[in-house]
Protein backbone atom coordinates (compact mmCIF):
# COMPACT_ATOMS: atom_id res chain seq x y z
CA MET A 1 -93.17 -47.70 55.44
CA ARG A 2 -93.84 -44.98 54.25
CA CYS A 3 -96.35 -43.75 56.61
CA GLY A 4 -99.38 -43.18 54.97
CA ARG A 5 -98.62 -41.94 51.56
CA SER A 6 -102.40 -41.73 50.95
CA PRO A 7 -104.31 -41.01 54.39
CA SER A 8 -107.23 -38.94 53.75
CA LEU A 9 -110.01 -38.34 56.11
CA PRO A 10 -113.40 -36.89 55.48
CA GLY A 11 -113.88 -33.80 56.71
CA GLY A 12 -110.53 -34.19 58.34
CA ASN A 13 -112.27 -34.81 61.49
CA LEU A 14 -110.41 -38.29 62.79
CA LEU A 15 -106.78 -38.59 63.44
CA VAL A 16 -104.69 -41.81 63.93
CA SER A 17 -102.01 -42.90 66.13
CA ALA A 18 -100.27 -45.73 65.85
CA SER A 19 -98.18 -46.70 69.29
CA THR A 20 -95.31 -49.22 69.96
CA ASP A 21 -97.94 -50.76 72.90
CA GLY A 22 -99.57 -52.40 70.27
CA THR A 23 -102.47 -50.35 69.46
CA VAL A 24 -103.74 -47.95 66.30
CA ARG A 25 -106.67 -45.56 67.81
CA LEU A 26 -108.81 -43.08 66.08
CA TRP A 27 -109.37 -40.25 67.51
CA SER A 28 -112.53 -37.47 66.99
CA THR A 29 -110.95 -34.19 66.90
CA ALA A 30 -114.91 -32.45 66.85
CA SER A 31 -114.63 -33.07 70.06
CA ALA A 32 -111.32 -30.47 70.53
CA ALA A 33 -112.80 -26.83 72.05
CA SER A 34 -111.29 -24.01 69.18
CA ASP A 35 -108.96 -22.83 70.89
CA GLU A 36 -106.85 -26.17 72.01
CA THR A 37 -103.52 -27.95 69.96
CA PRO A 38 -104.95 -28.88 66.29
CA GLY A 39 -105.60 -32.87 66.77
CA ARG A 40 -106.31 -32.82 70.85
CA GLY A 41 -110.10 -34.67 70.96
CA ARG A 42 -111.13 -37.97 72.27
CA ILE A 43 -110.76 -41.54 71.68
CA ALA A 44 -113.19 -42.61 69.19
CA HIS A 45 -111.81 -46.32 69.37
CA ASP A 46 -109.11 -48.45 69.91
CA LEU A 47 -107.71 -50.77 66.83
CA GLN A 48 -105.20 -53.72 68.27
CA PHE A 49 -102.49 -54.03 66.17
CA ARG A 50 -98.90 -53.81 65.40
CA GLY A 51 -97.45 -51.85 63.22
CA PRO A 52 -97.01 -51.25 59.41
CA PRO A 53 -97.28 -50.15 56.83
CA PHE A 54 -101.21 -48.85 56.38
CA ALA A 55 -102.65 -46.71 53.75
CA PHE A 56 -106.38 -44.47 53.71
CA SER A 57 -107.86 -45.00 50.20
CA PRO A 58 -108.30 -41.45 48.08
CA ASP A 59 -112.15 -40.71 48.96
CA GLY A 60 -111.67 -41.31 52.28
CA SER A 61 -113.70 -44.16 52.82
CA GLN A 62 -111.41 -47.03 53.91
CA PHE A 63 -107.98 -47.36 56.48
CA ALA A 64 -105.42 -50.66 55.61
CA ALA A 65 -103.07 -52.09 58.07
CA GLY A 66 -101.13 -54.67 58.93
CA ARG A 67 -101.92 -56.40 61.84
CA ASN A 68 -99.06 -59.65 62.55
CA GLU A 69 -99.20 -61.90 59.40
CA ALA A 70 -102.47 -59.87 57.78
CA PHE A 71 -103.99 -56.81 56.06
CA GLU A 72 -107.19 -55.30 57.87
CA ILE A 73 -109.40 -53.07 55.73
CA TYR A 74 -111.62 -50.78 58.44
CA ALA A 75 -114.85 -48.25 56.82
CA LEU A 76 -114.40 -45.60 58.02
CA PRO A 77 -116.21 -43.53 59.11
CA PHE A 78 -115.27 -46.47 61.73
CA ASP A 79 -118.36 -48.90 63.28
CA PRO A 80 -116.58 -51.34 66.66
CA ARG A 81 -119.88 -53.28 65.09
CA ALA A 82 -118.65 -54.13 62.08
CA GLU A 83 -115.67 -56.83 61.18
CA PRO A 84 -112.26 -56.07 59.49
CA ILE A 85 -111.38 -56.92 55.66
CA THR A 86 -108.82 -59.66 56.18
CA LEU A 87 -105.98 -60.06 53.47
CA ARG A 88 -104.19 -62.68 55.03
CA MET A 89 -100.75 -62.53 53.87
CA ASP A 90 -99.24 -66.43 54.58
CA GLY A 91 -96.37 -65.53 56.44
CA ALA A 92 -94.76 -62.98 54.28
CA LYS A 93 -94.02 -59.41 54.80
CA ALA A 94 -95.35 -56.50 53.86
CA ILE A 95 -92.87 -53.96 52.94
CA ALA A 96 -95.08 -51.40 50.75
CA ALA A 97 -98.87 -50.22 50.52
CA GLU A 98 -101.51 -48.15 48.34
CA PHE A 99 -104.49 -47.71 47.54
CA ALA A 100 -104.61 -48.63 43.33
CA ASN A 101 -107.39 -46.63 43.77
CA ALA A 102 -110.75 -46.50 45.46
CA GLY A 103 -111.84 -50.31 45.43
CA GLU A 104 -107.76 -51.75 44.83
CA VAL A 105 -104.53 -52.28 47.61
CA ALA A 106 -101.59 -52.49 45.83
CA LEU A 107 -99.05 -54.19 48.78
CA VAL A 108 -95.35 -55.93 47.59
CA ALA A 109 -94.69 -58.31 50.23
CA ALA A 110 -91.31 -60.06 50.89
CA PRO A 111 -92.64 -63.75 51.09
CA ALA A 112 -91.67 -66.19 54.01
CA ASP A 113 -89.67 -68.22 51.79
CA GLY A 114 -87.00 -65.77 50.66
CA ALA A 115 -88.25 -65.69 46.89
CA PRO A 116 -88.26 -62.77 45.41
CA LEU A 117 -90.66 -59.15 46.15
CA GLU A 118 -93.78 -59.82 45.33
CA CYS A 119 -96.67 -57.51 44.61
CA ARG A 120 -100.09 -58.83 45.44
CA ARG A 121 -103.92 -57.25 44.52
CA TYR A 122 -106.51 -56.46 47.13
CA ASP A 123 -110.32 -55.95 46.58
CA SER A 124 -110.65 -53.55 49.27
CA HIS A 125 -113.86 -54.24 49.51
CA SER A 126 -114.48 -57.80 49.25
CA GLY A 127 -110.48 -59.09 50.93
CA LYS A 128 -110.66 -61.29 47.70
CA ALA A 129 -107.48 -60.90 45.49
CA ALA A 130 -107.63 -59.62 42.54
CA GLY A 131 -105.60 -61.67 40.91
CA SER A 132 -102.66 -63.67 41.33
CA PRO A 133 -99.63 -62.60 43.01
CA VAL A 134 -96.84 -60.31 40.89
CA ALA A 135 -93.39 -62.19 41.28
CA LEU A 136 -90.58 -58.66 41.03
CA PRO A 137 -87.68 -60.20 39.05
CA GLY A 138 -83.97 -60.25 40.90
CA SER A 139 -85.34 -59.48 43.68
CA GLY A 140 -84.13 -62.71 46.06
CA GLY A 141 -81.04 -61.53 46.88
CA GLY A 142 -79.63 -59.03 49.44
CA GLY A 143 -81.88 -56.83 51.86
CA VAL A 144 -83.76 -53.95 51.27
CA THR A 145 -82.04 -51.08 52.38
CA THR A 146 -84.26 -48.37 51.27
CA SER A 147 -87.73 -48.46 48.62
CA ASP A 148 -90.58 -46.64 47.96
CA LEU A 149 -93.71 -47.53 46.06
CA SER A 150 -95.18 -44.98 43.77
CA ASP A 151 -98.54 -42.78 44.14
CA GLY A 152 -101.41 -45.38 43.15
CA GLY A 153 -99.18 -48.45 43.31
CA GLY A 154 -97.87 -48.93 39.82
CA ARG A 155 -94.19 -48.64 40.63
CA PHE A 156 -91.57 -50.08 42.65
CA ALA A 157 -88.33 -49.74 43.44
CA ALA A 158 -86.22 -50.48 45.94
CA SER A 159 -82.30 -51.00 46.84
CA PHE A 160 -80.96 -53.98 47.76
CA ASP A 161 -77.87 -54.08 49.30
CA GLY A 162 -74.31 -57.26 48.17
CA ALA A 163 -71.29 -57.17 47.13
CA PRO A 164 -72.00 -55.08 45.08
CA GLY A 165 -75.57 -53.13 45.94
CA HIS A 166 -77.76 -52.47 43.10
CA THR A 167 -80.89 -50.99 42.51
CA LEU A 168 -83.74 -52.22 40.66
CA ALA A 169 -87.09 -51.26 40.26
CA TRP A 170 -90.50 -52.46 38.37
CA GLU A 171 -94.34 -52.43 36.64
CA THR A 172 -96.27 -53.40 39.55
CA SER A 173 -98.46 -55.23 37.60
CA THR A 174 -96.66 -57.05 35.62
CA GLY A 175 -93.25 -57.44 37.11
CA GLU A 176 -91.54 -56.04 33.76
CA PRO A 177 -88.46 -54.25 35.36
CA LEU A 178 -88.25 -50.67 34.29
CA PRO A 179 -84.29 -48.76 33.97
CA ALA A 180 -83.41 -47.92 37.35
CA PRO A 181 -80.43 -45.66 38.31
CA PRO A 182 -76.97 -47.33 38.83
CA THR A 183 -75.31 -47.63 41.96
CA GLY A 184 -71.43 -48.05 40.81
CA SER A 185 -68.94 -51.12 41.61
CA VAL A 186 -69.17 -49.51 45.48
CA GLY A 187 -71.96 -48.19 47.68
CA VAL A 188 -75.96 -48.71 47.51
CA HIS A 189 -79.33 -45.68 47.33
CA ALA A 190 -79.76 -44.61 50.83
CA VAL A 191 -82.98 -42.70 49.80
CA LEU A 192 -85.13 -43.43 46.83
CA ARG A 193 -88.20 -41.17 46.07
CA PHE A 194 -90.56 -41.46 43.38
CA SER A 195 -92.33 -37.86 41.21
CA PRO A 196 -96.29 -37.76 41.83
CA ASP A 197 -96.74 -39.06 38.35
CA GLY A 198 -93.94 -41.78 38.98
CA ASN A 199 -91.52 -41.22 35.55
CA MET A 200 -88.83 -40.39 37.73
CA LEU A 201 -87.22 -40.94 40.93
CA ALA A 202 -84.64 -39.27 43.00
CA ALA A 203 -81.89 -40.97 44.41
CA GLN A 204 -79.02 -40.13 47.15
CA HIS A 205 -75.80 -42.91 47.57
CA TYR A 206 -74.18 -43.25 50.31
CA PRO A 207 -70.80 -43.85 50.30
CA SER A 208 -70.68 -40.85 47.14
CA ASN A 209 -73.56 -38.63 48.22
CA GLU A 210 -73.51 -38.08 44.65
CA GLN A 211 -77.60 -37.19 44.00
CA MET A 212 -79.38 -37.73 40.69
CA VAL A 213 -82.97 -37.59 39.59
CA TRP A 214 -83.43 -40.23 36.69
CA ASP A 215 -85.62 -40.18 33.68
CA ILE A 216 -87.51 -43.27 34.10
CA ALA A 217 -88.77 -43.33 30.40
CA GLU A 218 -84.95 -42.10 29.22
CA GLY A 219 -83.49 -44.76 31.17
CA GLU A 220 -80.54 -41.63 31.93
CA ILE A 221 -79.95 -38.95 34.63
CA ALA A 222 -82.09 -35.57 34.27
CA PRO A 223 -79.81 -33.20 32.63
CA SER A 224 -81.24 -30.58 35.20
CA SER A 225 -80.48 -32.96 38.53
CA LYS A 226 -76.37 -33.00 37.92
CA LEU A 227 -76.27 -29.87 39.40
CA LEU A 228 -78.00 -31.09 42.48
CA PRO A 229 -75.75 -29.59 45.92
CA ASP A 230 -73.54 -31.89 46.52
CA GLU A 231 -73.98 -33.47 50.07
CA PRO A 232 -76.45 -35.87 51.90
CA ALA A 233 -79.06 -35.39 51.68
CA HIS A 234 -81.43 -37.49 54.10
CA ALA A 235 -84.87 -37.41 52.32
CA PHE A 236 -86.41 -35.50 48.98
CA ALA A 237 -89.96 -34.35 48.16
CA PHE A 238 -90.92 -33.59 44.86
CA THR A 239 -93.43 -31.35 44.24
CA PRO A 240 -96.68 -32.22 42.78
CA ASP A 241 -95.55 -30.69 39.67
CA ALA A 242 -92.49 -32.15 39.83
CA LYS A 243 -90.62 -28.86 38.77
CA SER A 244 -89.01 -28.47 42.34
CA LEU A 245 -87.79 -30.75 44.51
CA LEU A 246 -86.72 -30.05 48.17
CA LEU A 247 -83.77 -31.84 49.55
CA ALA A 248 -82.97 -32.74 53.44
CA LEU A 249 -79.84 -31.55 53.64
CA GLY A 250 -77.09 -31.53 57.03
CA GLY A 251 -77.37 -29.10 59.60
CA GLY A 252 -80.88 -28.17 59.25
CA THR A 253 -81.05 -27.02 55.91
CA ILE A 254 -84.23 -27.83 53.33
CA ALA A 255 -82.54 -27.00 49.69
CA VAL A 256 -85.22 -25.84 46.86
CA CYS A 257 -84.16 -27.38 43.59
CA ASP A 258 -85.50 -25.76 39.92
CA LEU A 259 -85.46 -29.47 38.03
CA GLU A 260 -86.85 -27.45 35.52
CA ARG A 261 -84.07 -25.13 34.39
CA THR A 262 -80.98 -25.29 36.08
CA GLY A 263 -80.51 -28.27 38.75
CA ARG A 264 -79.44 -25.21 41.38
CA PRO A 265 -81.72 -24.58 44.66
CA ALA A 266 -83.55 -21.28 44.06
CA GLY A 267 -84.18 -21.18 47.79
CA GLU A 268 -84.18 -22.60 51.40
CA LEU A 269 -86.18 -23.30 53.93
CA ILE A 270 -84.04 -22.12 57.18
CA GLY A 271 -85.19 -23.15 60.72
CA HIS A 272 -84.18 -26.66 62.18
CA LEU A 273 -81.36 -26.92 64.32
CA GLU A 274 -80.67 -30.41 62.82
CA HIS A 275 -80.76 -32.02 60.33
CA PRO A 276 -84.20 -33.04 58.53
CA PHE A 277 -85.69 -36.76 58.30
CA ARG A 278 -87.89 -36.00 56.41
CA VAL A 279 -90.28 -33.24 53.67
CA ALA A 280 -93.08 -33.63 52.33
CA VAL A 281 -95.05 -31.54 50.13
CA SER A 282 -99.09 -30.78 50.22
CA PRO A 283 -101.40 -31.29 46.70
CA ASP A 284 -101.39 -28.29 46.24
CA GLY A 285 -97.47 -27.21 45.95
CA LYS A 286 -98.06 -24.54 48.28
CA THR A 287 -97.09 -25.96 52.38
CA ALA A 288 -94.52 -28.00 53.30
CA ALA A 289 -93.74 -30.72 55.69
CA SER A 290 -90.29 -31.64 57.07
CA CYS A 291 -89.52 -33.00 60.77
CA SER A 292 -85.28 -32.91 61.89
CA ARG A 293 -83.09 -34.78 64.44
CA ASP A 294 -83.72 -31.14 67.18
CA GLY A 295 -87.39 -32.71 67.76
CA THR A 296 -89.48 -30.02 66.13
CA LEU A 297 -92.58 -30.67 63.09
CA ARG A 298 -92.70 -27.69 60.68
CA LEU A 299 -94.67 -26.24 58.66
CA TRP A 300 -93.85 -24.05 55.69
CA ASN A 301 -95.62 -22.02 53.63
CA LEU A 302 -93.44 -22.76 50.22
CA PRO A 303 -93.94 -19.93 48.35
CA THR A 304 -92.55 -17.54 50.25
CA ARG A 305 -90.43 -19.94 51.92
CA ARG A 306 -91.37 -18.54 54.95
CA GLU A 307 -91.39 -21.41 58.56
CA VAL A 308 -95.60 -21.15 59.70
CA ALA A 309 -96.51 -23.50 61.73
CA VAL A 310 -94.85 -25.68 64.82
CA LEU A 311 -96.79 -29.20 65.09
CA SER A 312 -94.02 -30.53 67.36
CA ARG A 313 -91.61 -29.55 69.87
CA HIS A 314 -90.71 -32.99 71.14
CA ARG A 315 -90.49 -35.94 69.09
CA HIS A 316 -88.82 -37.46 66.84
CA PHE A 317 -90.62 -38.31 63.85
CA SER A 318 -89.22 -39.76 60.37
CA GLN A 319 -91.52 -40.68 58.26
CA LEU A 320 -93.99 -37.62 57.24
CA ALA A 321 -97.32 -37.20 54.04
CA PHE A 322 -100.21 -35.65 52.91
CA SER A 323 -103.57 -37.21 52.13
CA PRO A 324 -104.20 -37.06 48.64
CA ASP A 325 -106.95 -34.03 49.17
CA GLY A 326 -104.27 -32.09 51.19
CA SER A 327 -107.16 -32.37 54.28
CA ALA A 328 -104.96 -34.30 56.84
CA PHE A 329 -101.17 -34.64 57.40
CA ALA A 330 -99.68 -37.82 58.95
CA ALA A 331 -96.48 -37.91 61.10
CA GLY A 332 -94.62 -41.29 61.89
CA GLY A 333 -91.62 -42.68 63.99
CA TYR A 334 -90.43 -44.86 66.69
CA GLY A 335 -93.12 -44.03 68.86
CA GLY A 336 -96.51 -44.33 67.01
CA VAL A 337 -98.12 -42.03 63.56
CA LEU A 338 -99.63 -39.17 64.28
CA LEU A 339 -102.15 -37.59 61.62
CA TRP A 340 -103.76 -34.52 62.26
CA ARG A 341 -106.43 -32.10 60.27
CA LEU A 342 -104.23 -29.90 58.91
CA PRO A 343 -104.42 -26.60 59.08
CA SER A 344 -104.54 -24.06 55.90
CA LEU A 345 -102.26 -21.02 55.68
CA ALA A 346 -105.23 -18.97 56.29
CA GLU A 347 -105.52 -20.32 59.69
CA ILE A 348 -102.54 -20.20 60.49
CA ASP A 349 -102.53 -16.39 59.68
CA ALA A 350 -105.75 -15.84 61.27
CA ARG A 351 -104.09 -17.28 64.86
CA PRO A 352 -100.46 -17.81 64.03
CA GLN A 353 -99.94 -18.38 68.37
CA MET A 354 -101.65 -21.67 68.31
CA PHE A 355 -99.02 -23.04 65.80
CA ARG A 356 -95.85 -21.87 67.35
């Protein structure tokens, strides 16, 4: 599960937490005093279901999440008297979810019978299927080691184990295969990440540690990516303009690589004591977020490469995402998912003691 590549909350006055106790809770941050930790507030309602993936619609009016073998869509602001819209999965396991637009949900699912993966689309207001499932050919053999669904759900890529392993990519609306980065005769891709426009795919190979940015349209490695650092990257994040790529490297360093010209690191984000698990960039390209094995969740001023906030010091998160409008921020791991109202850089500068 990519924890909410698209979480967007109107007004930034709600946070969501999902726990291994089988609950998802909506919290009102509006009730928090101004001097309290950002995101602290009262529980607005408990949603009893287990697990990922989940997503918020681009306009922040709906929240979709898994419940056993179904998907449920809730209207926001939440009304406890309203019944959610249920999308039946017929025993399939949802691998990834995105709102294709404000009225349609795209799910990539693994059928229970072991058939190839398929993309299913639903009207998010009626719950009815928007057409027939689209099979993703070639995806039936081997387990998925890593995958990514592009913004808007238009493209999906996955790496599969086996002898040898392989990586495939598709247009989800038609099932048409797309050129995918090669894995060679040994190994698999351990990390995959689409650029915001879905035209490039960053890939980390295991066990060679080779990194590349794959140009999907050209079906070849982007020239500037051939000079990326030759060490394991635990996560990638493109800037909104896809001119830079952030690499979460070992030792706590996050390299900011220039894809437009040299492909080499043009700066570093330094502060983590151990390797980062995940990194993300805000929609305006000004803020980066990272979580690390050291238990911290940090925000960075990307233009200045300066650390500006520590939102958590004692939790291990493995997935991060900014909302499309930049007003919310999600972090998730084995203990659940939390969504904060994102403080602006100006707010942080005005009250830096709140964020350290």
